[in-house]
Each structure stands twice: as C-alpha cells, then as structure tokens.
C-alpha cells in the first residue's frame, strides 16, 4: 500500500500489493499466449491458456468485488445516508450484472 493513501477510500487497498502481484502474473500469462500464437502452437493449447488467463482475471475481479462489498457498500449502508446507500447498492448490482455477463 502506498503511503498517504486513505484506507477508507477503497476496500481493496489493504490488498493492493497482492492484487498487483496477481496482475503481473496474469500479464506474464498473456505474453505467453502471445508467444504461442507467434509460434503457431496448437489451437487447443492456446484456448487452454486463454481459459486460464480468464479464470485468473475473474479471481482478481472477485477479490475486488468482495472488498467493495465488505468495505464500500457496508460503510454506505451503515452510514445513515440513504442516498449514499442507494448509490452503492446500485453500483453493486451493476457490477454483479457486468461480472456475470462475462460467464
């Protein structure tokens, strides 16, 4: 976590380093798939690796979504601010809809 960042602002910040490491590994996986295409590897092998990349990205997305619910949404719902609670609830529903459309 970067110094001076308010932990209250984003739920994923306590896990930022972990998320960045995961994303760096995913970036490496994508580069590997690119090399496979350049090397004209077998289609199924490429598809298998693409599925692994997608699964890894979904895991990162679930972690961010989980932290959003546990931190941002929970804070808004318990704040007593009805407008903020509705905003966060709508954000959550939209995020879940986007996330489930990818499957």
Protein backbone atom coordinates (compact mmCIF):
# COMPACT_ATOMS: atom_id res chain seq x y z
CA UNK A 1 0.00 0.00 0.00
CA UNK A 2 1.28 3.44 -0.88
CA UNK A 3 2.00 5.89 1.93
CA UNK A 4 -0.53 8.66 2.33
CA UNK A 5 -3.44 6.72 0.82
CA UNK A 6 -6.59 6.81 2.90
CA UNK A 7 -7.58 3.17 3.53
CA UNK A 8 -11.16 4.35 3.95
CA UNK A 9 -11.32 5.33 0.27
CA UNK A 10 -11.15 1.89 -1.40
CA UNK A 11 -11.73 -1.53 0.12
CA UNK A 12 -9.07 -3.28 -1.94
CA UNK A 13 -6.19 -1.02 -0.81
CA UNK A 14 -5.08 -3.27 2.08
CA UNK A 15 -4.64 -5.99 -0.58
CA UNK A 16 -3.14 -3.76 -3.28
CA UNK A 17 0.28 -5.45 -3.30
CA UNK A 18 -1.29 -8.91 -3.56
CA UNK A 19 -3.55 -7.76 -6.42
CA UNK A 20 -0.65 -6.15 -8.27
CA UNK A 21 1.39 -9.37 -7.97
CA UNK A 22 -1.53 -11.40 -9.32
CA UNK A 23 -1.99 -8.96 -12.21
CA UNK A 24 1.72 -9.14 -13.03
CA UNK A 25 1.46 -12.95 -13.20
CA UNK A 26 -1.57 -12.64 -15.46
CA UNK A 27 0.35 -10.21 -17.67
CA UNK A 28 3.06 -12.87 -17.97
CA UNK A 29 0.44 -15.46 -18.90
CA UNK A 30 -0.89 -13.18 -21.65
CA UNK A 31 2.62 -12.68 -23.02
CA UNK A 32 2.98 -16.47 -23.02
CA UNK A 33 -0.22 -16.84 -25.05
CA UNK A 34 1.05 -14.24 -27.48
CA UNK A 35 4.26 -16.25 -27.93
CA UNK A 36 2.17 -19.37 -28.51
CA UNK A 37 0.32 -17.63 -31.34
CA UNK A 38 3.59 -16.37 -32.82
CA UNK A 39 4.99 -19.90 -32.64
CA UNK A 40 1.84 -21.26 -34.31
CA UNK A 41 1.08 -23.61 -31.46
CA UNK A 42 -1.91 -25.95 -31.50
CA UNK A 43 -5.32 -24.23 -31.19
CA UNK A 44 -6.47 -26.20 -28.17
CA UNK A 45 -3.28 -25.41 -26.26
CA UNK A 46 -3.86 -21.69 -26.89
CA UNK A 47 -7.52 -21.96 -25.86
CA UNK A 48 -6.49 -23.76 -22.68
CA UNK A 49 -4.11 -20.94 -21.77
CA UNK A 50 -6.71 -18.30 -22.61
CA UNK A 51 -9.16 -20.03 -20.27
CA UNK A 52 -6.51 -19.96 -17.53
CA UNK A 53 -6.00 -16.21 -18.07
CA UNK A 54 -9.73 -15.61 -17.92
CA UNK A 55 -10.03 -17.62 -14.71
CA UNK A 56 -7.16 -15.67 -13.15
CA UNK A 57 -8.74 -12.34 -14.11
CA UNK A 58 -12.07 -13.46 -12.68
CA UNK A 59 -10.35 -14.31 -9.40
CA UNK A 60 -8.92 -10.78 -9.23
CA UNK A 61 -12.34 -9.36 -10.07
CA UNK A 62 -13.98 -11.42 -7.32
CA UNK A 63 -11.42 -10.20 -4.80
CA UNK A 64 -12.04 -6.56 -5.73
CA UNK A 65 -15.81 -7.13 -5.68
CA UNK A 66 -15.58 -8.86 -2.31
CA UNK A 67 -13.63 -5.96 -0.83
CA UNK A 68 -16.05 -3.48 -2.39
CA UNK A 69 -18.97 -5.19 -0.65
CA UNK A 70 -17.18 -5.62 2.67
CA UNK A 71 -15.85 -2.08 2.75
CA UNK A 72 -17.51 0.43 0.45
CA UNK A 73 -21.06 -0.95 0.36
CA UNK A 74 -21.11 -1.87 4.05
CA UNK A 75 -19.83 1.58 5.01
CA UNK A 76 -22.51 3.26 2.88
CA UNK A 77 -25.31 1.08 4.23
CA UNK A 78 -24.34 1.74 7.84
CA UNK A 79 -23.66 5.45 7.34
CA UNK A 80 -27.28 6.52 7.70
CA UNK A 81 -27.01 8.39 4.39
CA UNK A 82 -29.87 6.95 2.32
CA UNK A 83 -28.65 8.50 -0.94
CA UNK A 84 -25.13 7.10 -0.48
CA UNK A 85 -26.56 3.68 0.44
CA UNK A 86 -28.70 3.66 -2.69
CA UNK A 87 -25.77 4.75 -4.86
CA UNK A 88 -23.54 1.96 -3.52
CA UNK A 89 -26.32 -0.62 -3.80
CA UNK A 90 -26.88 0.38 -7.44
CA UNK A 91 -23.13 0.24 -8.12
CA UNK A 92 -23.00 -3.23 -6.60
CA UNK A 93 -25.91 -4.52 -8.66
CA UNK A 94 -24.39 -3.10 -11.86
CA UNK A 95 -21.01 -4.65 -11.04
CA UNK A 96 -22.58 -8.06 -10.40
CA UNK A 97 -24.51 -7.82 -13.67
CA UNK A 98 -21.34 -6.95 -15.60
CA UNK A 99 -19.41 -9.68 -13.87
CA UNK A 100 -21.99 -12.38 -14.57
CA UNK A 101 -22.30 -11.39 -18.23
CA UNK A 102 -18.69 -12.45 -18.74
CA UNK A 103 -19.53 -16.05 -17.90
